[in-house]
Amino acid sequence: MYRNLIQMSQLVLFVGFVGIGSGFTGCFSENNPIDEDAGVDGGDSDADTDADADTDTDADGDADTDSDTDVDADTDMDTDSDTDTDADADTDTDTDSDMDTDTDSDADTDTDADTDTDVDTDTDTDADTDADTDADTDSDTDVDSDTGFDSDTNTDENCEYDADCPPCQICSAYDKCVNADYNSDPKHDCNGVAPATCGHTGMCDGEGACEFYGSEISCDDKDPATIDDACDGMGNCRGTPYCDHHECWNVVPTELEDCYDADGEMAECPAFPCESNGGPDYCGQDAQYVSNQRMFNVDTIGVDTIVIDSLTGLVWQQEAVAGKDWDAAVEYCDTSGYAEKEDWRLPDYHELAGIIDFSRWSPVLDPGVFPDAALAQLWTSSVNTNDLSQAWNLDTGTGAVLSQDKPGSCDLRCVRAGDAKSIMSQTTRFFVSGVTGVETVFDRATGLEWQMVNKTNLDWKQSLRKCEGSQYGGFDDWRLPTISQLRSLVSIGKPGDVASDFPNILSQKYLSSTASVVTIYGTMVFEIDFSSGLQQVYSADSIDSAVKCVRRGP
């Protein structure tokens, strides 16, 4: 195929590419998630209520008239010796898979020694009408309300799937059963229990019961793509779509069409969709998922040719400009009157990386769109905030995004319209929901939902299977992100050890599902190093990178 024909000719280039990347591996942080059960098994909350309401009503209705003073010392000794021997042997076998057999031996021995001493001093005649109506009503209501529910925060039971756990519990990322919150009802335990006011039939409340949205509470968790929401009591959310007031990030396609295994390009991709356990091996690659569609439309204005990206709306200068240092490149675009427009600028990190075609190599730009796409490095406007003497650039031979000294010489290609920088700086961009251990993070700017947890010590094959087989948070459509999806989390202007505003990103490399088309040194996979923002390829056999699964999209 095309890629194999060019592999040997690019040997020297590839070696140089890998060599360049070796200096950008960043600060390795081995923050493996701790697989521990943080739950407290509170036992079985059996509320045995023995309500023996022994109501002894002695109604002496004595209506006597007589001069005879009959001191009738009527001492009714009603000794109600109600011995309720309720041997309630409630053997509650909880359907928790942690096999809690709670034997409530409630030996309720109620000895109600009710001593009724009625001292009736009657003054009556010979006709002693002593209507001693002794109505002893022993209403023994022994209500043994044994709920049989184990209100554990976590159980000790290992699990692989949500189905392995009790009702209203799910299988966490640490393979332990934990209580599901109201965002997750994986087995539909609450369906039909009661009507809901915000479009739900009910969700688990995290304590083994159901809860329903009221008319005034926030429903951001129902539709995190909107902000400042509340239920209207009629099944709808009040609020406005996030993208009505913020720029949103259209995740660009990678254009990759082939699948790869340990030996290189596969004759055909694995069977898809993947199995529930994530198999077969190498299932879930970039090429197997549908991406956003786009076209590059070429137009001519006067003597100048422009390229319009149908997905992002960006307008590109088709012709590249030969080597300039970074300051000169910025000035050139700012003052350009190309195609009769005056709002040209140097593209930023995300904009320039967004035109890479990952089905190509040397160059990685489509020559049908950018005919002068020579082997070069193109400047971006993004400065390396960890070293202000450097700026980011795209290597058009390999698809790497690297940092280089500003006085160095790179080519450039100007852009106009849109501004990706504002997309990456929205403070309300990430919405976190879920219970501890199974939180998810919804990215309002892209529409992608991510797992909060990080997985480590996995090679590429294991990472694909781990994401595809995950049922984290009650969802079964997780996958390993493409390089474009993963790169969308980079906040390139953020100083510090982690180049992202995303919660719980480690300062190290993260794997994508996007393989390189060059396999002369074995299968290589594109990764993002979040210690800096570096994009480069690494061996698919490496276990040095972290993994963060994603769903929704494309």
Protein backbone atom coordinates (compact mmCIF):
# COMPACT_ATOMS: atom_id res chain seq x y z
CA MET A 1 0.00 0.00 0.00
CA TYR A 2 0.93 3.68 -0.21
CA ARG A 3 2.25 3.76 3.28
CA ASN A 4 4.53 0.75 2.83
CA LEU A 5 5.97 2.17 -0.38
CA ILE A 6 7.24 5.24 1.45
CA GLN A 7 8.39 3.59 4.66
CA MET A 8 12.00 2.91 3.72
CA SER A 9 12.39 6.30 2.10
CA GLN A 10 11.36 7.89 5.40
CA LEU A 11 13.69 5.85 7.62
CA VAL A 12 16.10 8.69 8.27
CA LEU A 13 13.23 11.13 8.83
CA PHE A 14 11.55 8.80 11.31
CA VAL A 15 14.74 8.26 13.30
CA GLY A 16 15.20 11.99 13.48
CA PHE A 17 11.56 12.41 14.56
CA VAL A 18 11.87 9.92 17.41
CA GLY A 19 15.13 11.52 18.44
CA ILE A 20 13.54 14.95 18.58
CA GLY A 21 10.73 13.65 20.75
CA SER A 22 13.01 12.11 23.30
CA GLY A 23 13.61 15.46 24.91
CA PHE A 24 9.91 16.15 25.42
CA THR A 25 8.77 13.22 27.47
CA GLY A 26 8.05 15.52 30.42
CA CYS A 27 7.70 14.86 34.11
CA PHE A 28 6.59 11.30 34.68
CA SER A 29 4.05 11.03 37.47
CA GLU A 30 3.10 7.57 38.56
CA ASN A 31 -0.17 8.39 40.25
CA ASN A 32 -1.78 5.04 39.86
CA PRO A 33 -5.33 4.92 41.13
CA ILE A 34 -5.41 3.16 44.49
CA ASP A 35 -7.58 0.09 44.26
CA GLU A 36 -9.05 0.12 47.72
CA ASP A 37 -12.54 -0.24 49.08
CA ALA A 38 -13.24 3.03 50.85
CA GLY A 39 -16.70 1.95 51.90
CA VAL A 40 -17.88 1.34 55.43
CA ASP A 41 -20.05 -1.75 55.80
CA GLY A 42 -22.56 -0.49 58.31
CA GLY A 43 -24.22 -3.80 58.82
CA ASP A 44 -27.89 -4.56 58.44
CA SER A 45 -30.19 -1.76 59.56
CA ASP A 46 -33.09 -3.93 60.83
CA ALA A 47 -35.59 -1.65 62.51
CA ASP A 48 -37.57 -4.21 64.62
CA THR A 49 -40.39 -2.21 66.18
CA ASP A 50 -42.30 -4.23 68.78
CA ALA A 51 -45.23 -1.91 69.41
CA ASP A 52 -47.35 -3.75 72.04
CA ALA A 53 -50.04 -1.18 72.69
CA ASP A 54 -51.88 -2.94 75.59
CA THR A 55 -54.83 -0.71 76.17
CA ASP A 56 -56.66 -1.86 79.29
CA THR A 57 -59.91 0.10 79.48
CA ASP A 58 -61.92 -0.48 82.69
CA ALA A 59 -65.13 1.44 82.14
CA ASP A 60 -67.09 1.32 85.45
CA GLY A 61 -70.40 2.97 84.67
CA ASP A 62 -71.94 2.77 88.22
CA ALA A 63 -75.13 4.80 88.51
CA ASP A 64 -76.44 3.83 92.02
CA THR A 65 -78.76 5.72 94.40
CA ASP A 66 -79.31 4.28 97.87
CA SER A 67 -79.05 5.46 101.39
CA ASP A 68 -77.29 2.28 102.11
CA THR A 69 -73.65 3.06 102.16
CA ASP A 70 -72.20 0.10 100.53
CA VAL A 71 -68.50 0.44 100.54
CA ASP A 72 -67.83 -1.88 97.71
CA ALA A 73 -64.11 -2.24 97.69
CA ASP A 74 -64.15 -3.66 94.25
CA THR A 75 -60.53 -4.36 93.66
CA ASP A 76 -60.29 -5.75 90.16
CA MET A 77 -56.86 -7.22 89.90
CA ASP A 78 -56.64 -7.63 86.15
CA THR A 79 -53.31 -9.16 85.61
CA ASP A 80 -52.86 -9.35 81.88
CA SER A 81 -49.91 -11.55 81.61
CA ASP A 82 -49.43 -11.17 77.88
CA THR A 83 -46.34 -13.06 77.13
CA ASP A 84 -45.56 -12.38 73.48
CA THR A 85 -42.80 -14.66 72.61
CA ASP A 86 -42.04 -13.51 69.10
CA ALA A 87 -39.20 -15.62 68.04
CA ASP A 88 -38.65 -13.66 64.87
CA ALA A 89 -35.94 -15.57 63.18
CA ASP A 90 -35.67 -13.30 60.19
CA THR A 91 -32.98 -14.77 58.09
CA ASP A 92 -32.41 -11.94 55.67
CA THR A 93 -30.22 -13.06 52.87
CA ASP A 94 -29.24 -9.81 51.21
CA THR A 95 -28.82 -10.03 47.53
CA ASP A 96 -25.57 -8.13 47.94
CA SER A 97 -23.04 -10.33 46.37
CA ASP A 98 -20.99 -9.84 49.51
CA MET A 99 -23.03 -12.70 51.04
CA ASP A 100 -24.17 -10.84 54.15
CA THR A 101 -26.39 -13.30 56.00
CA ASP A 102 -28.04 -11.24 58.68
CA THR A 103 -29.81 -13.46 61.22
CA ASP A 104 -32.06 -11.32 63.31
CA SER A 105 -32.90 -13.52 66.26
CA ASP A 106 -35.38 -11.11 67.72
CA ALA A 107 -36.54 -12.97 70.85
CA ASP A 108 -39.12 -10.41 71.86
CA THR A 109 -40.39 -11.57 75.24
CA ASP A 110 -43.02 -9.03 76.14
CA THR A 111 -44.34 -9.81 79.62
CA ASP A 112 -47.02 -7.20 80.05
CA ALA A 113 -47.90 -7.52 83.71
CA ASP A 114 -50.78 -5.07 83.67
CA THR A 115 -52.05 -4.79 87.23
CA ASP A 116 -55.37 -2.96 87.14
CA THR A 117 -56.44 -1.99 90.63
CA ASP A 118 -59.98 -0.58 90.44
CA VAL A 119 -60.94 0.70 93.87
CA ASP A 120 -64.65 1.41 93.40
CA THR A 121 -66.19 3.15 96.43
CA ASP A 122 -69.89 2.86 95.58
CA THR A 123 -72.68 4.45 97.53
CA ASP A 124 -75.75 2.50 96.49
CA THR A 125 -79.00 0.87 97.58
CA ASP A 126 -79.88 -2.77 97.93
CA ALA A 127 -80.06 -2.93 94.19
CA ASP A 128 -76.41 -2.66 93.57
CA THR A 129 -76.08 -1.87 89.92
CA ASP A 130 -72.37 -2.29 89.59
CA ALA A 131 -71.89 -2.15 85.86
CA ASP A 132 -68.28 -3.04 85.94
CA THR A 133 -67.52 -3.19 82.26
CA ASP A 134 -63.95 -4.39 82.24
CA ALA A 135 -62.98 -3.95 78.60
CA ASP A 136 -59.44 -5.15 78.51
CA THR A 137 -58.36 -4.52 74.94
CA ASP A 138 -54.93 -5.98 74.41
CA SER A 139 -54.00 -4.65 71.01
CA ASP A 140 -50.65 -6.30 70.59
CA THR A 141 -49.20 -4.93 67.38
CA ASP A 142 -45.86 -6.57 66.87
CA VAL A 143 -44.53 -4.77 63.78
CA ASP A 144 -41.17 -6.25 62.85
CA SER A 145 -40.13 -3.83 60.12
CA ASP A 146 -37.01 -5.59 58.94
CA THR A 147 -35.92 -3.74 55.79
CA GLY A 148 -33.19 -6.23 55.02
CA PHE A 149 -31.20 -3.47 53.24
CA ASP A 150 -27.48 -3.19 53.71
CA SER A 151 -26.72 0.54 53.59
CA ASP A 152 -23.09 0.02 52.69
CA THR A 153 -21.22 2.87 51.01
CA ASN A 154 -19.10 0.22 49.31
CA THR A 155 -19.34 -3.52 49.44
CA ASP A 156 -16.39 -5.85 49.64
CA GLU A 157 -17.51 -7.76 46.59
CA ASN A 158 -15.37 -7.83 43.48
CA CYS A 159 -17.20 -7.33 40.21
CA GLU A 160 -16.63 -7.14 36.50
CA TYR A 161 -19.99 -5.85 35.30
CA ASP A 162 -22.83 -3.86 36.86
CA ALA A 163 -24.98 -6.98 36.71
CA ASP A 164 -22.71 -8.55 39.33
CA CYS A 165 -23.81 -5.97 41.92
CA PRO A 166 -26.99 -5.60 44.03
CA PRO A 167 -29.84 -3.24 43.04
CA CYS A 168 -28.85 0.42 42.82
CA GLN A 169 -25.16 -0.46 42.85
CA ILE A 170 -22.66 -0.39 40.01
CA CYS A 171 -19.24 -1.82 39.31
CA SER A 172 -16.64 0.92 39.86
CA ALA A 173 -13.39 1.48 38.00
CA TYR A 174 -11.68 -0.41 40.79
CA ASP A 175 -13.83 -3.50 40.16
CA LYS A 176 -15.79 -3.04 43.41
CA CYS A 177 -19.55 -2.67 43.86
CA VAL A 178 -20.44 0.87 44.97
CA ASN A 179 -23.75 2.66 45.41
CA ALA A 180 -25.07 4.36 42.29
CA ASP A 181 -26.01 8.00 42.50
CA TYR A 182 -29.08 9.58 40.94
CA ASN A 183 -27.33 9.90 37.59
CA SER A 184 -27.06 6.16 37.21
CA ASP A 185 -29.71 3.46 37.23
CA PRO A 186 -27.87 0.77 35.25
CA LYS A 187 -30.35 -2.03 35.87
CA HIS A 188 -33.40 0.23 35.74
CA ASP A 189 -34.28 -0.55 39.36
CA CYS A 190 -36.29 2.66 39.62
CA ASN A 191 -38.23 2.52 36.36
CA GLY A 192 -41.93 2.84 36.93
CA VAL A 193 -41.63 3.29 40.69
CA ALA A 194 -43.08 6.81 40.60
CA PRO A 195 -43.57 9.62 38.12
CA ALA A 196 -40.77 12.15 37.75
CA THR A 197 -41.08 15.83 37.04
CA CYS A 198 -38.00 16.38 34.93
CA GLY A 199 -38.16 13.73 32.28
CA HIS A 200 -36.89 10.87 34.45
CA THR A 201 -38.60 7.76 35.70
CA GLY A 202 -36.37 7.79 38.75
CA MET A 203 -32.76 7.28 39.65
CA CYS A 204 -30.87 5.62 42.49
CA ASP A 205 -30.23 7.93 45.42
CA GLY A 206 -27.02 6.22 46.51
CA GLU A 207 -28.71 4.62 49.53
CA GLY A 208 -30.60 1.86 47.81
CA ALA A 209 -33.77 3.83 47.08
CA CYS A 210 -35.09 6.00 44.28
CA GLU A 211 -35.32 9.76 44.02
CA PHE A 212 -37.03 12.01 41.55
CA TYR A 213 -36.33 15.50 40.33
CA GLY A 214 -38.46 18.18 41.89
CA SER A 215 -39.67 21.30 40.16
CA GLU A 216 -37.06 23.70 41.52
CA ILE A 217 -33.81 21.77 41.78
CA SER A 218 -30.96 22.04 39.31
CA CYS A 219 -31.06 19.70 36.35
CA ASP A 220 -27.59 20.36 35.02
CA ASP A 221 -26.94 16.72 35.72
CA LYS A 222 -29.79 15.78 33.40
CA ASP A 223 -28.47 17.86 30.53
CA PRO A 224 -24.92 19.04 31.24
CA ALA A 225 -24.77 20.66 27.80
CA THR A 226 -26.89 23.46 29.26
CA ILE A 227 -26.08 25.86 32.09
CA ASP A 228 -27.99 27.62 34.89
CA ASP A 229 -30.82 25.12 34.68
CA ALA A 230 -33.79 24.18 36.85
CA CYS A 231 -36.64 21.74 36.32
CA ASP A 232 -39.91 23.37 35.34
CA GLY A 233 -42.08 20.67 36.95
CA MET A 234 -43.34 19.53 33.55
CA GLY A 235 -40.48 17.33 32.47
CA ASN A 236 -38.30 20.07 30.97
CA CYS A 237 -35.14 21.92 31.91
CA ARG A 238 -35.00 25.67 31.97
CA GLY A 239 -31.72 27.12 30.80
CA THR A 240 -29.71 27.85 27.69
CA PRO A 241 -27.39 25.63 25.65
CA TYR A 242 -23.78 26.19 26.62
CA CYS A 243 -22.74 26.82 23.02
CA ASP A 244 -25.22 29.70 22.68
CA HIS A 245 -22.91 31.80 24.86
CA HIS A 246 -19.53 30.07 24.47
CA GLU A 247 -17.44 28.94 21.55
CA CYS A 248 -17.52 25.17 21.19
CA TRP A 249 -14.80 22.90 19.94
CA ASN A 250 -15.54 20.82 16.84
CA VAL A 251 -13.36 17.74 17.24
CA VAL A 252 -11.63 17.32 13.89
CA PRO A 253 -11.43 13.93 12.17
CA THR A 254 -8.11 12.13 11.88
CA GLU A 255 -8.96 10.60 8.45
CA LEU A 256 -7.30 7.30 9.50
CA GLU A 257 -8.84 4.36 7.61
CA ASP A 258 -6.71 1.33 8.55
CA CYS A 259 -6.25 -0.78 11.67
CA TYR A 260 -3.01 -2.03 13.19
CA ASP A 261 -1.79 -4.80 15.48
CA ALA A 262 1.62 -5.72 16.87
CA ASP A 263 2.86 -6.66 13.40
CA GLY A 264 1.76 -3.49 11.63
CA GLU A 265 -1.18 -2.80 9.32
CA MET A 266 -3.95 -5.43 9.52
CA ALA A 267 -5.51 -6.92 6.40
CA GLU A 268 -8.86 -5.89 7.85
CA CYS A 269 -10.05 -4.34 11.08
CA PRO A 270 -11.26 -6.57 13.95
CA ALA A 271 -14.95 -7.43 14.18
CA PHE A 272 -16.91 -4.39 15.34
CA PRO A 273 -18.75 -3.44 17.55
CA CYS A 274 -16.44 -4.93 20.14
CA GLU A 275 -17.63 -7.64 22.52
CA SER A 276 -18.82 -6.78 26.03
CA ASN A 277 -15.44 -7.79 27.44
CA GLY A 278 -13.66 -5.47 25.00
CA GLY A 279 -12.51 -8.20 22.63
CA PRO A 280 -11.29 -9.22 20.18
CA ASP A 281 -7.74 -7.90 20.52
CA TYR A 282 -7.14 -4.50 18.91
CA CYS A 283 -10.85 -3.77 18.61
CA GLY A 284 -11.94 -0.15 19.14
CA GLN A 285 -9.31 1.64 17.05
CA ASP A 286 -9.68 5.12 15.58
CA ALA A 287 -10.56 3.83 12.10
CA GLN A 288 -13.55 1.86 13.41
CA TYR A 289 -15.47 4.86 14.73
CA VAL A 290 -17.41 7.49 12.83
CA SER A 291 -15.83 10.94 12.98
CA ASN A 292 -17.09 14.43 12.26
CA GLN A 293 -17.19 15.05 8.53
CA ARG A 294 -15.49 17.97 6.85
CA MET A 295 -14.29 19.22 3.49
CA PHE A 296 -11.52 21.59 2.51
CA ASN A 297 -12.92 23.91 -0.14
CA VAL A 298 -10.43 25.78 -2.33
CA ASP A 299 -11.31 29.24 -3.64
CA THR A 300 -9.48 32.05 -5.41
CA ILE A 301 -9.81 35.72 -4.54
CA GLY A 302 -7.91 37.93 -6.94
CA VAL A 303 -4.51 36.29 -7.38
CA ASP A 304 -4.57 34.54 -4.01
CA THR A 305 -5.90 31.07 -3.18
CA ILE A 306 -7.59 30.24 0.10
CA VAL A 307 -8.70 26.99 1.74
CA ILE A 308 -11.96 26.97 3.75
CA ASP A 309 -12.45 24.30 6.45
CA SER A 310 -16.16 23.37 6.41
CA LEU A 311 -16.06 22.01 9.99
CA THR A 312 -14.20 24.74 11.88
CA GLY A 313 -14.96 27.69 9.60
CA LEU A 314 -11.27 28.61 9.52
CA VAL A 315 -9.88 30.13 6.32
CA TRP A 316 -6.30 29.22 5.45
CA GLN A 317 -3.69 30.78 3.23
CA GLN A 318 -2.98 27.99 0.75
CA GLU A 319 0.62 28.96 0.01
CA ALA A 320 3.15 28.54 2.79
CA VAL A 321 5.72 31.24 3.43
CA ALA A 322 9.35 30.17 3.66
CA GLY A 323 11.53 30.33 6.78
CA LYS A 324 11.20 33.11 9.31
CA ASP A 325 11.89 33.35 12.99
CA TRP A 326 8.88 33.41 15.29
CA ASP A 327 8.64 37.19 15.79
CA ALA A 328 8.87 37.80 12.04
CA ALA A 329 6.23 35.14 11.39
CA VAL A 330 3.79 36.80 13.79
CA GLU A 331 4.37 40.19 12.17
CA TYR A 332 4.00 38.80 8.66
CA CYS A 333 0.52 37.39 9.29
CA ASP A 334 -0.64 40.41 11.30
CA THR A 335 0.20 42.75 8.43
CA SER A 336 -0.79 40.50 5.54
CA GLY A 337 -3.37 41.67 3.01
CA TYR A 338 -3.63 38.21 1.47
CA ALA A 339 -6.84 37.56 -0.52
CA GLU A 340 -7.94 41.16 0.13
CA LYS A 341 -8.36 40.55 3.88
CA GLU A 342 -6.54 42.20 6.75
CA ASP A 343 -7.41 39.98 9.73
CA TRP A 344 -4.87 37.24 9.12
CA ARG A 345 -2.91 35.86 12.06
CA LEU A 346 -0.53 33.06 12.90
CA PRO A 347 -2.59 29.95 13.81
CA ASP A 348 -2.45 28.61 17.36
CA TYR A 349 -1.53 25.11 18.53
CA HIS A 350 -5.03 23.63 18.14
CA GLU A 351 -5.79 25.25 14.81
CA LEU A 352 -2.61 24.10 13.07
CA ALA A 353 -2.67 20.57 14.55
CA GLY A 354 -6.30 20.37 13.41
CA ILE A 355 -5.41 20.15 9.70
CA ILE A 356 -3.20 17.05 10.06
CA ASP A 357 -4.30 14.05 7.94
CA PHE A 358 -3.21 11.01 9.99
CA SER A 359 -3.71 8.67 7.05
CA ARG A 360 -0.66 10.33 5.48
CA TRP A 361 3.02 10.57 6.23
CA SER A 362 5.73 12.87 4.95
CA PRO A 363 3.92 15.16 4.52
CA VAL A 364 0.93 14.80 6.85
CA LEU A 365 -1.00 17.53 5.02
CA ASP A 366 -3.19 16.68 2.03
CA PRO A 367 -1.20 17.75 -1.06
CA GLY A 368 -4.43 18.09 -2.98
CA VAL A 369 -5.41 20.90 -0.59
CA PHE A 370 -1.97 22.28 0.27
CA PRO A 371 0.11 21.49 -2.82
CA ASP A 372 3.31 22.99 -1.39
CA ALA A 373 3.12 20.89 1.78
CA ALA A 374 6.84 20.19 1.84
CA LEU A 375 8.74 18.54 4.66
CA ALA A 376 8.99 21.48 6.99
CA GLN A 377 8.09 22.86 10.36
CA LEU A 378 5.28 25.44 10.59
CA TRP A 379 5.11 28.03 13.37
CA THR A 380 2.11 28.40 15.66
CA SER A 381 1.31 31.52 17.69
CA SER A 382 1.31 29.47 20.92
CA VAL A 383 4.20 30.13 23.27
CA ASN A 384 5.60 27.39 25.48
CA THR A 385 4.52 28.75 28.87
CA ASN A 386 7.14 26.61 30.64
CA ASP A 387 9.87 28.19 28.51
CA LEU A 388 8.89 31.58 27.08
CA SER A 389 11.88 31.54 24.75
CA GLN A 390 10.17 28.78 22.76
CA ALA A 391 7.00 28.45 20.67
CA TRP A 392 5.12 25.44 19.34
CA ASN A 393 5.37 24.23 15.74
CA LEU A 394 4.06 21.41 13.56
CA ASP A 395 6.43 18.97 11.90
CA THR A 396 4.70 18.32 8.56
CA GLY A 397 6.83 15.24 7.95
CA THR A 398 5.74 13.27 11.02
CA GLY A 399 2.67 14.96 12.53
CA ALA A 400 4.52 15.79 15.73
CA VAL A 401 3.76 19.07 17.52
CA LEU A 402 6.99 20.25 19.13
CA SER A 403 8.45 23.26 20.88
CA GLN A 404 11.33 25.20 19.32
CA ASP A 405 13.42 28.27 20.12
CA LYS A 406 11.83 31.44 18.74
CA PRO A 407 14.98 32.63 16.95
CA GLY A 408 14.96 29.42 14.89
CA SER A 409 13.67 29.36 11.34
CA CYS A 410 10.33 27.73 10.42
CA ASP A 411 7.84 28.14 7.60
CA LEU A 412 4.37 29.55 8.23
CA ARG A 413 0.81 29.47 6.94
CA CYS A 414 -1.60 32.24 8.07
CA VAL A 415 -5.22 31.75 9.09
CA ARG A 416 -8.25 33.95 9.65
CA ALA A 417 -11.77 33.68 11.19
CA GLY A 418 -12.52 31.89 14.46
CA ASP A 419 -10.30 31.83 17.52
CA ALA A 420 -9.66 28.52 19.25
CA LYS A 421 -7.86 30.20 22.16
CA SER A 422 -11.12 31.39 23.68
CA ILE A 423 -12.54 27.87 23.52
CA MET A 424 -9.93 26.50 25.84
CA SER A 425 -10.38 29.08 28.61
CA GLN A 426 -14.03 28.69 29.60
CA THR A 427 -14.33 28.29 33.37
CA THR A 428 -17.66 26.41 33.11
CA ARG A 429 -16.40 24.07 30.41
CA PHE A 430 -16.07 20.87 32.48
CA PHE A 431 -19.05 19.45 34.38
CA VAL A 432 -18.31 16.75 37.00
CA SER A 433 -21.00 14.32 38.14
CA GLY A 434 -21.26 10.90 39.77
CA VAL A 435 -20.32 9.37 43.11
CA THR A 436 -16.80 9.05 44.49
CA GLY A 437 -14.84 6.53 42.47
CA VAL A 438 -17.11 6.68 39.43
CA GLU A 439 -17.20 10.40 38.55
CA THR A 440 -17.54 11.42 34.93
CA VAL A 441 -16.51 14.73 33.37
CA PHE A 442 -18.66 16.21 30.63
CA ASP A 443 -16.87 18.63 28.30
CA ARG A 444 -19.46 21.20 27.30
CA ALA A 445 -17.22 22.58 24.55
CA THR A 446 -16.84 19.28 22.69
CA GLY A 447 -19.81 17.17 23.82
CA LEU A 448 -17.44 14.42 24.97
CA GLU A 449 -17.78 12.69 28.35
CA TRP A 450 -14.66 11.37 30.07
CA GLN A 451 -13.90 9.05 32.94
CA MET A 452 -12.42 10.87 35.92
CA VAL A 453 -10.14 7.95 36.80
CA ASN A 454 -6.83 7.24 35.09
CA LYS A 455 -5.64 3.79 34.12
CA THR A 456 -1.90 3.06 34.01
CA ASN A 457 0.61 0.31 33.27
CA LEU A 458 -1.24 -0.85 30.15
CA ASP A 459 0.10 -1.27 26.62
CA TRP A 460 -1.96 -0.19 23.60
CA LYS A 461 -3.72 -3.54 23.09
CA GLN A 462 -4.70 -3.72 26.76
CA SER A 463 -5.84 -0.09 26.77
CA LEU A 464 -8.17 -0.62 23.80
CA ARG A 465 -9.75 -3.64 25.49
CA LYS A 466 -9.97 -1.93 28.90
CA CYS A 467 -11.97 1.02 27.54
CA GLU A 468 -14.16 -1.04 25.21
CA GLY A 469 -15.09 -3.46 28.03
CA SER A 470 -15.67 -0.76 30.64
CA GLN A 471 -19.11 -0.29 32.24
CA TYR A 472 -17.96 2.64 34.34
CA GLY A 473 -20.79 4.80 35.65
CA GLY A 474 -23.41 2.45 34.20
CA PHE A 475 -22.42 3.14 30.57
CA ASP A 476 -21.12 0.53 28.15
CA ASP A 477 -20.04 2.72 25.20
CA TRP A 478 -16.60 3.80 26.43
CA ARG A 479 -13.67 3.82 24.03
CA LEU A 480 -10.04 4.88 23.80
CA PRO A 481 -10.00 8.48 22.47
CA THR A 482 -8.60 9.45 19.09
CA ILE A 483 -5.60 11.76 19.04
CA SER A 484 -7.90 14.66 18.10
CA GLN A 485 -10.21 13.97 21.05
CA LEU A 486 -7.28 13.64 23.45
CA ARG A 487 -5.60 16.80 22.14
CA SER A 488 -8.81 18.77 22.75
CA LEU A 489 -8.04 18.55 26.50
CA VAL A 490 -4.75 20.43 26.13
CA SER A 491 -4.72 23.99 27.51
CA ILE A 492 -1.56 25.06 25.75
CA GLY A 493 -1.36 28.45 27.45
CA LYS A 494 -1.62 27.06 30.97
CA PRO A 495 1.62 27.38 32.94
CA GLY A 496 2.68 24.74 35.42
CA ASP A 497 3.23 21.01 35.48
CA VAL A 498 0.01 20.00 33.69
CA ALA A 499 -1.02 21.51 30.36
CA SER A 500 -4.77 21.06 30.90
CA ASP A 501 -7.67 22.44 32.93
CA PHE A 502 -9.31 19.02 32.93
CA PRO A 503 -9.78 17.57 36.44
CA ASN A 504 -7.38 14.79 37.39
CA ILE A 505 -4.98 14.79 34.43
CA LEU A 506 -1.56 13.38 35.22
CA SER A 507 1.62 15.12 34.13
CA GLN A 508 2.60 12.36 31.71
CA LYS A 509 1.85 10.78 28.34
CA TYR A 510 -1.66 9.53 27.48
CA LEU A 511 -2.47 6.94 24.82
CA SER A 512 -4.83 7.52 21.88
CA SER A 513 -6.53 5.02 19.56
CA THR A 514 -4.74 6.58 16.56
CA ALA A 515 -1.84 4.54 15.18
CA SER A 516 0.90 5.84 12.89
CA VAL A 517 0.86 4.63 9.28
CA VAL A 518 4.62 4.08 9.48
CA THR A 519 5.51 0.69 10.97
CA ILE A 520 9.17 0.19 10.09
CA TYR A 521 10.01 -0.02 13.78
CA GLY A 522 6.83 -1.81 14.78
CA THR A 523 3.44 -0.32 15.51
CA MET A 524 3.61 3.23 16.84
CA VAL A 525 0.75 5.14 18.45
CA PHE A 526 0.15 8.88 18.76
CA GLU A 527 0.12 10.21 22.31
CA ILE A 528 -0.18 13.54 24.13
CA ASP A 529 2.27 14.41 26.89
CA PHE A 530 0.25 16.53 29.32
CA SER A 531 3.38 17.77 31.08
CA SER A 532 3.76 20.16 28.13
CA GLY A 533 1.30 19.49 25.27
CA LEU A 534 3.76 17.56 23.11
CA GLN A 535 2.14 15.37 20.42
CA GLN A 536 4.25 12.49 19.14
CA VAL A 537 4.33 8.74 18.43
CA TYR A 538 5.56 6.07 20.82
CA SER A 539 5.76 2.29 20.72
CA ALA A 540 2.47 0.43 21.07
CA ASP A 541 4.24 -2.01 23.40
CA SER A 542 5.11 0.68 25.94
CA ILE A 543 3.33 0.67 29.31
CA ASP A 544 4.66 4.07 30.36
CA SER A 545 1.52 5.99 29.39
CA ALA A 546 -1.78 6.62 31.12
CA VAL A 547 -5.27 5.98 29.73
CA LYS A 548 -8.47 7.99 30.02
CA CYS A 549 -11.58 6.53 28.36
CA VAL A 550 -14.19 8.65 26.57
CA ARG A 551 -17.77 8.32 25.34
CA ARG A 552 -20.28 10.33 23.32
CA GLY A 553 -19.01 12.34 20.41
CA PRO A 554 -17.78 11.97 17.74
